[in-house]
N, C-alpha and C. Protein backbone atom coordinates (compact mmCIF):
# COMPACT_ATOMS: atom_id res chain seq x y z
N MET A 1 40.57 -1.78 1.29
CA MET A 1 40.10 0.17 1.16
C MET A 1 39.84 0.93 2.71
N SER A 2 40.37 1.86 2.40
CA SER A 2 39.74 2.96 3.62
C SER A 2 38.37 3.87 3.78
N TYR A 3 38.66 3.76 4.95
CA TYR A 3 37.12 4.81 4.58
C TYR A 3 36.92 6.04 4.96
N PRO A 4 36.43 6.82 5.39
CA PRO A 4 36.95 8.22 5.88
C PRO A 4 36.46 7.49 7.73
N SER A 5 36.78 8.97 8.24
CA SER A 5 36.76 8.71 10.13
C SER A 5 35.18 8.92 9.97
N SER A 6 34.70 10.04 9.57
CA SER A 6 33.63 11.22 9.48
C SER A 6 32.79 10.90 8.14
N PHE A 7 31.74 10.37 8.66
CA PHE A 7 30.63 10.30 7.37
C PHE A 7 30.25 11.98 7.32
N HIS A 8 29.37 12.42 6.05
CA HIS A 8 27.91 13.03 6.20
C HIS A 8 26.96 12.28 6.52
N SER A 9 25.85 12.40 6.96
CA SER A 9 24.80 12.08 7.43
C SER A 9 23.72 11.83 6.63
N ILE A 10 23.05 11.29 5.81
CA ILE A 10 21.58 12.07 4.59
C ILE A 10 20.34 11.08 5.29
N PHE A 11 19.28 12.03 5.87
CA PHE A 11 17.91 11.25 6.09
C PHE A 11 17.39 10.92 4.96
N ALA A 12 16.83 8.91 4.82
CA ALA A 12 16.32 9.11 3.81
C ALA A 12 14.79 9.68 3.32
N ARG A 13 14.32 9.93 4.91
CA ARG A 13 13.13 10.80 4.44
C ARG A 13 13.08 11.91 4.07
N ASN A 14 14.46 12.26 3.00
CA ASN A 14 14.88 13.63 2.22
C ASN A 14 15.01 13.04 0.69
N CYS A 15 14.51 11.69 0.57
CA CYS A 15 14.68 11.16 -0.71
C CYS A 15 13.61 11.02 -1.04
N GLU A 16 13.80 9.91 -2.16
CA GLU A 16 12.65 9.58 -3.00
C GLU A 16 13.82 8.25 -3.59
N VAL A 17 13.20 7.19 -3.90
CA VAL A 17 13.87 5.87 -4.71
C VAL A 17 13.26 6.12 -5.88
N ARG A 18 13.99 5.39 -6.87
CA ARG A 18 13.57 5.76 -8.52
C ARG A 18 14.40 4.33 -8.85
N ARG A 19 13.77 3.70 -9.91
CA ARG A 19 14.39 2.65 -10.63
C ARG A 19 15.31 3.63 -11.49
N ILE A 20 16.37 2.78 -12.10
CA ILE A 20 17.54 2.94 -12.66
C ILE A 20 18.24 2.19 -13.68
N ASN A 21 19.06 2.52 -14.60
CA ASN A 21 19.32 1.54 -16.05
C ASN A 21 20.32 0.87 -15.17
N ALA A 22 21.12 -0.39 -15.59
CA ALA A 22 22.15 -1.04 -15.29
C ALA A 22 23.30 0.06 -15.21
N ASP A 23 23.52 1.06 -16.86
CA ASP A 23 24.73 1.61 -16.69
C ASP A 23 24.16 2.24 -16.04
N VAL A 24 23.62 3.43 -14.97
CA VAL A 24 23.90 4.39 -14.33
C VAL A 24 24.15 3.01 -12.58
N ALA A 25 23.72 2.51 -12.95
CA ALA A 25 24.09 1.90 -10.98
C ALA A 25 25.47 0.84 -11.43
N ARG A 26 25.89 0.65 -12.82
CA ARG A 26 27.48 0.06 -12.75
C ARG A 26 28.62 1.21 -11.99
N ALA A 27 28.27 2.77 -13.05
CA ALA A 27 29.18 3.92 -12.85
C ALA A 27 29.24 4.29 -11.32
N PHE A 28 28.08 3.44 -10.58
CA PHE A 28 28.32 4.31 -9.38
C PHE A 28 28.44 2.90 -8.33
N MET A 29 28.49 1.76 -8.15
CA MET A 29 28.95 0.93 -7.50
C MET A 29 30.80 0.30 -7.75
N GLU A 30 30.79 1.23 -9.27
CA GLU A 30 31.77 0.70 -9.86
C GLU A 30 32.95 1.90 -8.56
N GLU A 31 32.37 3.02 -8.54
CA GLU A 31 32.76 3.90 -8.03
C GLU A 31 32.68 4.20 -6.29
N ASN A 32 31.60 3.31 -6.18
CA ASN A 32 31.09 3.66 -4.07
C ASN A 32 31.25 1.90 -3.82
N HIS A 33 31.75 1.10 -4.11
CA HIS A 33 30.70 -0.37 -4.09
C HIS A 33 32.28 -0.48 -3.41
N ARG A 34 32.96 -1.49 -2.52
CA ARG A 34 34.10 -2.24 -2.61
C ARG A 34 34.42 -3.14 -3.70
N PHE A 35 33.54 -4.78 -3.72
CA PHE A 35 33.70 -5.08 -4.54
C PHE A 35 32.91 -4.44 -6.36
N GLY A 36 32.49 -2.91 -6.26
CA GLY A 36 32.05 -2.68 -7.62
C GLY A 36 30.71 -3.43 -8.46
N PHE A 37 30.55 -3.15 -9.11
CA PHE A 37 29.24 -3.96 -9.82
C PHE A 37 29.47 -5.21 -9.99
N SER A 38 27.78 -5.98 -9.81
CA SER A 38 27.35 -7.14 -9.85
C SER A 38 26.32 -7.15 -11.02
N LYS A 39 26.40 -8.51 -11.67
CA LYS A 39 25.39 -8.46 -12.49
C LYS A 39 24.05 -8.21 -11.72
N CYS A 40 22.92 -7.52 -12.32
CA CYS A 40 21.53 -7.41 -11.68
C CYS A 40 20.58 -7.42 -12.48
N ARG A 41 19.05 -7.73 -11.75
CA ARG A 41 17.79 -7.68 -13.01
C ARG A 41 17.45 -6.18 -12.52
N TYR A 42 17.10 -5.76 -11.31
CA TYR A 42 16.68 -4.29 -10.98
C TYR A 42 17.57 -3.72 -10.25
N CYS A 43 17.71 -2.47 -11.01
CA CYS A 43 18.24 -1.35 -10.16
C CYS A 43 17.56 -0.23 -9.25
N TYR A 44 18.12 0.10 -8.66
CA TYR A 44 17.03 1.45 -8.16
C TYR A 44 17.89 2.36 -7.50
N GLY A 45 17.59 3.80 -7.66
CA GLY A 45 18.67 4.60 -6.98
C GLY A 45 18.01 6.14 -6.13
N LEU A 46 18.42 6.70 -5.21
CA LEU A 46 18.08 7.28 -4.02
C LEU A 46 18.61 8.35 -4.63
N PHE A 47 17.75 9.62 -4.55
CA PHE A 47 17.64 10.57 -4.77
C PHE A 47 17.66 11.96 -3.81
N ILE A 48 17.81 12.69 -3.73
CA ILE A 48 18.01 13.97 -3.01
C ILE A 48 16.20 14.76 -3.92
N ARG A 49 15.08 14.52 -2.35
CA ARG A 49 14.39 15.40 -2.92
C ARG A 49 14.09 16.69 -2.30
N LYS A 50 14.76 16.92 -1.51
CA LYS A 50 14.75 18.53 -0.40
C LYS A 50 15.33 19.14 -0.78
N ASN A 51 16.28 20.01 -1.06
CA ASN A 51 17.57 21.45 -1.64
C ASN A 51 18.03 20.71 -0.52
N GLY A 52 19.00 20.17 -0.79
CA GLY A 52 19.98 19.92 0.39
C GLY A 52 20.37 18.93 1.11
N GLY A 53 18.60 18.14 0.65
CA GLY A 53 18.10 16.97 1.35
C GLY A 53 18.81 17.60 3.55
N GLY A 54 18.88 17.94 3.61
CA GLY A 54 19.11 18.60 5.12
C GLY A 54 20.12 17.65 5.51
N VAL A 55 20.76 17.77 4.61
CA VAL A 55 22.34 17.41 5.34
C VAL A 55 23.23 18.43 6.37
N LEU A 56 24.50 18.70 6.06
CA LEU A 56 24.92 19.57 7.39
C LEU A 56 26.06 19.17 6.63
N ASP A 57 27.54 20.02 6.02
CA ASP A 57 28.28 19.83 6.22
C ASP A 57 29.61 20.41 7.61
N LYS A 58 30.42 19.84 7.47
CA LYS A 58 31.33 20.50 8.32
C LYS A 58 31.36 21.40 8.94
N SER A 59 31.08 22.94 8.13
CA SER A 59 31.27 23.94 8.04
C SER A 59 29.59 24.25 8.33
N GLY A 60 28.49 23.79 7.97
CA GLY A 60 27.42 24.35 8.32
C GLY A 60 26.35 24.16 7.56
N SER A 61 27.03 24.56 6.24
CA SER A 61 26.01 25.05 5.06
C SER A 61 25.73 23.28 4.53
N GLU A 62 24.28 23.01 3.75
CA GLU A 62 23.92 22.56 2.87
C GLU A 62 24.26 22.32 1.95
N ASP A 63 25.10 20.58 1.64
CA ASP A 63 26.10 20.36 0.44
C ASP A 63 26.02 19.47 -0.59
N PHE A 64 24.51 18.48 -0.40
CA PHE A 64 23.99 17.82 -1.65
C PHE A 64 23.34 18.32 -2.62
N PRO A 65 23.04 19.10 -3.31
CA PRO A 65 22.12 19.77 -4.60
C PRO A 65 21.07 17.86 -4.76
N LEU A 66 19.90 19.37 -5.00
CA LEU A 66 18.36 18.41 -5.34
C LEU A 66 18.62 17.90 -6.45
N ASP A 67 17.90 16.63 -6.33
CA ASP A 67 17.82 15.26 -7.63
C ASP A 67 19.33 14.51 -7.57
N CYS A 68 20.02 15.10 -6.47
CA CYS A 68 21.21 13.61 -6.29
C CYS A 68 21.37 12.13 -5.80
N MET A 69 21.98 11.68 -7.09
CA MET A 69 21.77 10.37 -6.38
C MET A 69 22.96 10.31 -5.20
N VAL A 70 22.35 9.57 -4.51
CA VAL A 70 23.49 9.38 -2.68
C VAL A 70 23.46 7.63 -2.54
N ALA A 71 22.48 7.01 -2.95
CA ALA A 71 22.54 5.29 -2.63
C ALA A 71 21.89 4.34 -4.13
N VAL A 72 22.29 3.40 -4.20
CA VAL A 72 22.27 2.33 -5.11
C VAL A 72 21.94 0.74 -4.70
N SER A 73 20.79 0.44 -4.84
CA SER A 73 20.06 -1.25 -4.66
C SER A 73 20.27 -1.70 -5.99
N CYS A 74 20.34 -2.75 -5.92
CA CYS A 74 20.68 -3.85 -7.04
C CYS A 74 19.74 -5.16 -6.46
N PHE A 75 19.21 -5.76 -7.46
CA PHE A 75 18.11 -6.98 -7.23
C PHE A 75 18.54 -8.37 -7.89
N SER A 76 18.17 -9.10 -8.08
CA SER A 76 18.17 -10.24 -8.44
C SER A 76 17.00 -10.13 -9.41
N ASN A 77 17.11 -11.49 -10.45
CA ASN A 77 15.63 -12.20 -11.37
C ASN A 77 15.00 -12.47 -10.36
N ALA A 78 13.81 -12.75 -10.08
CA ALA A 78 13.35 -14.07 -9.70
C ALA A 78 13.66 -15.83 -9.59
N ARG A 79 13.90 -15.94 -8.41
CA ARG A 79 14.28 -17.57 -8.26
C ARG A 79 13.06 -18.14 -8.24
N LYS A 80 12.38 -18.96 -8.85
CA LYS A 80 11.39 -19.78 -9.13
C LYS A 80 11.20 -21.39 -8.60
N TRP A 81 11.15 -21.61 -7.72
CA TRP A 81 10.38 -22.97 -6.99
C TRP A 81 9.37 -23.34 -6.14
N GLN A 82 8.85 -24.42 -6.65
CA GLN A 82 7.54 -25.07 -5.62
C GLN A 82 7.93 -25.63 -4.81
N LYS A 83 7.18 -25.19 -3.29
CA LYS A 83 6.65 -25.86 -2.40
C LYS A 83 5.47 -25.74 -1.95
N GLN A 84 4.88 -27.46 -1.95
CA GLN A 84 3.98 -27.48 -1.50
C GLN A 84 3.37 -27.20 -3.00
N ASP A 85 2.07 -26.58 -2.82
CA ASP A 85 1.38 -26.44 -4.15
C ASP A 85 1.27 -24.85 -4.43
N LYS A 86 2.40 -24.21 -3.49
CA LYS A 86 2.45 -22.65 -4.39
C LYS A 86 3.76 -22.95 -4.26
N GLU A 87 4.21 -22.08 -5.90
CA GLU A 87 5.32 -21.01 -6.65
C GLU A 87 5.50 -20.51 -5.38
N ILE A 88 6.94 -20.06 -4.91
CA ILE A 88 7.77 -19.11 -4.48
C ILE A 88 9.18 -18.30 -5.30
N PHE A 89 8.83 -16.88 -5.37
CA PHE A 89 9.79 -16.17 -6.04
C PHE A 89 10.55 -15.58 -5.14
N SER A 90 12.22 -15.95 -5.26
CA SER A 90 12.60 -15.22 -4.60
C SER A 90 13.95 -14.78 -5.15
N TYR A 91 14.42 -13.44 -4.00
CA TYR A 91 15.24 -12.70 -4.83
C TYR A 91 16.54 -12.50 -4.24
N GLU A 92 17.77 -12.21 -4.66
CA GLU A 92 18.43 -11.65 -3.18
C GLU A 92 19.25 -10.22 -4.29
N TRP A 93 19.62 -9.54 -2.98
CA TRP A 93 19.64 -7.99 -3.31
C TRP A 93 21.35 -8.43 -2.80
N VAL A 94 21.68 -7.93 -4.14
CA VAL A 94 22.49 -7.97 -4.70
C VAL A 94 23.65 -7.05 -4.52
N ARG A 95 23.55 -5.67 -4.71
CA ARG A 95 24.50 -5.15 -3.35
C ARG A 95 23.66 -4.14 -3.39
N PHE A 96 24.14 -3.06 -1.82
CA PHE A 96 24.23 -1.41 -2.27
C PHE A 96 25.08 -0.72 -1.43
N ALA A 97 24.90 0.57 -2.20
CA ALA A 97 26.76 1.43 -1.76
C ALA A 97 25.51 2.73 -1.74
N SER A 98 26.42 3.57 -0.77
CA SER A 98 25.73 4.78 -0.64
C SER A 98 27.30 5.73 -1.05
N LEU A 99 26.95 6.74 -1.41
CA LEU A 99 28.33 7.84 -1.90
C LEU A 99 29.62 7.51 -1.44
N LYS A 100 30.91 7.92 -1.55
CA LYS A 100 32.04 7.34 -0.32
C LYS A 100 31.43 9.01 0.42
N GLY A 101 31.80 7.93 1.83
CA GLY A 101 32.01 9.12 2.96
C GLY A 101 30.56 9.85 3.51
N THR A 102 29.29 8.96 2.77
CA THR A 102 28.35 9.40 3.61
C THR A 102 27.78 8.26 4.03
N ARG A 103 26.51 8.69 4.75
CA ARG A 103 25.59 7.48 5.22
C ARG A 103 24.09 8.31 5.00
N VAL A 104 23.74 6.81 4.81
CA VAL A 104 21.95 7.07 4.51
C VAL A 104 21.27 6.46 5.61
N GLN A 105 21.00 7.78 6.84
CA GLN A 105 20.56 7.04 7.60
C GLN A 105 18.32 6.59 7.10
N GLY A 106 18.73 5.36 7.31
CA GLY A 106 17.72 4.60 6.60
C GLY A 106 17.04 4.52 4.99
N GLY A 107 18.13 4.15 4.43
CA GLY A 107 18.42 4.02 3.18
C GLY A 107 18.15 3.12 2.53
N MET A 108 19.06 1.78 3.11
CA MET A 108 18.74 0.47 2.28
C MET A 108 17.07 0.24 3.11
N GLY A 109 16.55 0.81 4.38
CA GLY A 109 15.14 0.13 4.41
C GLY A 109 14.16 0.96 3.15
N LYS A 110 14.41 2.19 3.05
CA LYS A 110 13.54 2.92 2.34
C LYS A 110 13.30 2.12 1.10
N MET A 111 15.22 1.89 0.46
CA MET A 111 14.88 0.92 -1.23
C MET A 111 14.30 -0.55 -0.85
N LEU A 112 14.64 -0.86 0.35
CA LEU A 112 14.09 -2.22 0.36
C LEU A 112 12.76 -2.31 0.31
N ARG A 113 12.00 -1.58 1.11
CA ARG A 113 10.66 -1.06 0.70
C ARG A 113 10.33 -1.01 -0.72
N ALA A 114 10.77 0.16 -1.37
CA ALA A 114 10.25 -0.14 -2.73
C ALA A 114 10.10 -1.23 -3.62
N PHE A 115 12.05 -1.87 -3.58
CA PHE A 115 11.28 -2.93 -3.90
C PHE A 115 10.44 -3.69 -3.77
N ILE A 116 10.31 -4.36 -2.20
CA ILE A 116 9.04 -4.99 -1.87
C ILE A 116 7.40 -4.81 -3.01
N ASN A 117 7.23 -2.89 -2.72
CA ASN A 117 6.31 -2.90 -3.16
C ASN A 117 6.11 -3.03 -4.40
N GLU A 118 7.32 -3.50 -5.66
CA GLU A 118 7.00 -3.44 -7.19
C GLU A 118 7.23 -4.46 -7.42
N MET A 119 7.38 -5.37 -6.61
CA MET A 119 8.42 -6.77 -7.14
C MET A 119 7.26 -7.79 -5.98
N HIS A 120 6.52 -7.68 -4.97
CA HIS A 120 6.50 -8.57 -4.37
C HIS A 120 7.52 -9.72 -3.80
N PRO A 121 7.94 -9.89 -3.74
CA PRO A 121 8.81 -11.41 -3.24
C PRO A 121 8.23 -12.00 -2.33
N ASP A 122 8.89 -13.30 -2.46
CA ASP A 122 8.20 -14.41 -1.33
C ASP A 122 9.21 -14.02 0.00
N ASP A 123 10.69 -14.19 -0.91
CA ASP A 123 11.22 -13.90 -0.13
C ASP A 123 12.41 -13.00 -0.66
N ILE A 124 13.72 -12.53 0.16
CA ILE A 124 14.86 -11.99 -0.70
C ILE A 124 16.08 -11.95 0.55
N MET A 125 16.58 -12.72 0.08
CA MET A 125 18.17 -13.48 0.58
C MET A 125 19.57 -12.31 0.05
N SER A 126 20.92 -12.44 1.02
CA SER A 126 21.67 -11.33 0.42
C SER A 126 23.10 -11.68 1.74
N TYR A 127 23.91 -11.12 1.38
CA TYR A 127 25.09 -11.60 2.10
C TYR A 127 25.77 -10.46 2.19
N ALA A 128 27.07 -10.37 3.43
CA ALA A 128 27.58 -9.45 4.16
C ALA A 128 28.78 -9.73 4.48
N PRO A 129 29.56 -9.59 3.54
CA PRO A 129 30.79 -10.21 4.67
C PRO A 129 31.35 -10.25 6.28
N LEU A 130 31.76 -11.29 6.37
CA LEU A 130 32.22 -11.40 8.08
C LEU A 130 33.83 -10.85 8.24
N GLN A 131 33.63 -9.12 8.69
CA GLN A 131 34.59 -8.38 9.28
C GLN A 131 34.32 -7.92 10.61
N GLU A 132 35.51 -7.17 11.00
CA GLU A 132 35.06 -7.29 11.57
C GLU A 132 34.58 -5.63 11.72
N GLY A 133 33.67 -4.98 12.69
CA GLY A 133 32.75 -4.20 12.96
C GLY A 133 31.53 -5.23 12.57
N ASN A 134 30.25 -4.39 12.00
CA ASN A 134 28.81 -4.59 12.37
C ASN A 134 28.28 -4.60 10.54
N GLU A 135 29.27 -5.23 9.94
CA GLU A 135 28.80 -5.09 8.69
C GLU A 135 26.62 -5.70 8.52
N GLY A 136 26.90 -6.55 9.16
CA GLY A 136 25.59 -7.56 8.89
C GLY A 136 24.16 -6.80 10.24
N GLU A 137 24.73 -6.17 10.60
CA GLU A 137 24.37 -5.33 11.44
C GLU A 137 22.26 -4.82 11.06
N VAL A 138 22.47 -4.06 10.10
CA VAL A 138 21.83 -3.52 9.75
C VAL A 138 20.28 -4.43 8.70
N TYR A 139 20.82 -6.04 8.32
CA TYR A 139 20.26 -6.62 7.66
C TYR A 139 19.31 -7.66 9.27
N LEU A 140 19.84 -7.42 10.30
CA LEU A 140 19.16 -8.08 11.42
C LEU A 140 17.81 -6.81 11.69
N GLN A 141 18.10 -5.31 11.73
CA GLN A 141 17.34 -4.28 11.96
C GLN A 141 16.52 -4.49 10.66
N LEU A 142 16.62 -4.91 9.74
CA LEU A 142 15.62 -4.30 8.70
C LEU A 142 14.95 -6.16 8.66
N GLY A 143 14.56 -6.66 9.69
CA GLY A 143 14.40 -8.04 9.61
C GLY A 143 14.50 -9.45 9.19
N PHE A 144 15.75 -9.45 8.71
CA PHE A 144 16.51 -10.22 8.06
C PHE A 144 16.71 -11.38 9.13
N LYS A 145 16.67 -13.04 8.83
CA LYS A 145 17.45 -13.85 9.90
C LYS A 145 18.91 -14.34 9.22
N PRO A 146 20.18 -14.53 10.19
CA PRO A 146 21.24 -15.65 9.36
C PRO A 146 20.83 -16.92 8.78
N GLU A 147 21.58 -17.40 7.93
CA GLU A 147 21.09 -18.11 7.38
C GLU A 147 22.61 -19.65 7.25
N GLY A 148 23.50 -19.00 7.93
CA GLY A 148 24.95 -19.59 7.89
C GLY A 148 26.47 -18.89 7.28
N VAL A 149 27.35 -19.14 7.22
CA VAL A 149 28.06 -18.42 6.52
C VAL A 149 28.66 -19.48 5.07
N LYS A 150 29.12 -18.46 4.10
CA LYS A 150 29.42 -18.79 3.17
C LYS A 150 30.52 -18.46 2.86
N GLU A 151 31.71 -19.55 1.79
CA GLU A 151 33.45 -19.16 1.92
C GLU A 151 33.01 -18.73 0.02
N PHE A 152 33.62 -17.65 0.07
CA PHE A 152 33.41 -16.89 -1.35
C PHE A 152 34.81 -16.97 -1.36
N PRO A 153 35.15 -16.35 -3.20
CA PRO A 153 37.30 -15.95 -2.88
C PRO A 153 37.58 -14.72 -2.28
N GLY A 154 37.18 -14.04 -1.79
CA GLY A 154 37.62 -12.80 -0.72
C GLY A 154 37.67 -13.62 0.68
N GLY A 155 37.18 -14.43 0.82
CA GLY A 155 36.83 -14.13 2.59
C GLY A 155 35.29 -14.85 2.46
N GLN A 156 34.84 -14.79 3.70
CA GLN A 156 33.52 -15.30 4.15
C GLN A 156 32.65 -14.35 4.04
N SER A 157 30.96 -14.54 3.86
CA SER A 157 30.13 -13.66 3.95
C SER A 157 29.10 -14.26 4.84
N MET A 158 28.08 -13.89 5.80
CA MET A 158 27.18 -14.38 6.05
C MET A 158 25.83 -14.13 5.93
N LYS A 159 25.27 -15.25 4.79
CA LYS A 159 24.18 -15.35 4.70
C LYS A 159 22.55 -14.70 5.27
N TYR A 160 22.06 -14.15 5.16
CA TYR A 160 20.75 -13.57 5.26
C TYR A 160 19.21 -13.47 4.92
N ARG A 161 18.01 -13.83 5.05
CA ARG A 161 17.41 -13.86 4.44
C ARG A 161 16.31 -13.17 5.09
N LEU A 162 14.95 -12.52 4.52
CA LEU A 162 13.90 -12.19 4.54
C LEU A 162 12.92 -12.97 3.90
N LYS A 163 11.84 -13.50 4.90
CA LYS A 163 10.87 -14.52 4.38
C LYS A 163 9.45 -13.18 4.48
N LEU A 164 9.24 -12.77 3.20
CA LEU A 164 8.06 -11.73 3.24
C LEU A 164 6.52 -13.30 3.91
N SER A 165 6.49 -14.31 3.13
CA SER A 165 5.48 -14.75 3.03
C SER A 165 5.43 -16.28 3.64
N SER A 166 4.79 -17.01 4.15
CA SER A 166 5.12 -18.22 4.85
C SER A 166 4.52 -19.46 3.23
N TYR A 167 6.05 -19.70 3.87
CA TYR A 167 5.63 -20.87 3.17
C TYR A 167 6.53 -22.71 3.72
């Protein structure tokens, strides 16, 4: 898959997070994520809440309409296990994608916070493909810790985990 040499930038502070249904998430992911849609339980969309989203295109004019969905995050249902006398609720961040050619500054963090505030997980794990570039850096910036490499049919991925409670 080729990526544009320059991106439009949108600031997440100009957007709001809303729950969306799986059909909306599926259509967005099939169009904008390199691996398409994957089964998930919780889907969130990031929508422009200010006219134009505070984003300028190369001509200097605003190019994103109010209420345009610019990113989607998908999370699994909780996996539960007992750790000593506590029940642990662990979720997987299955997918994140922004519109092709668009970078949403702070978008992953804003969507992650919305999910945490709604579901109150004990931890969240995710995978980032191991390729040239910095695909996993954003996880480190969000507080995730690397846990090792996992083999998938399409290549290797680094597993990351964000612990939100002590267990």
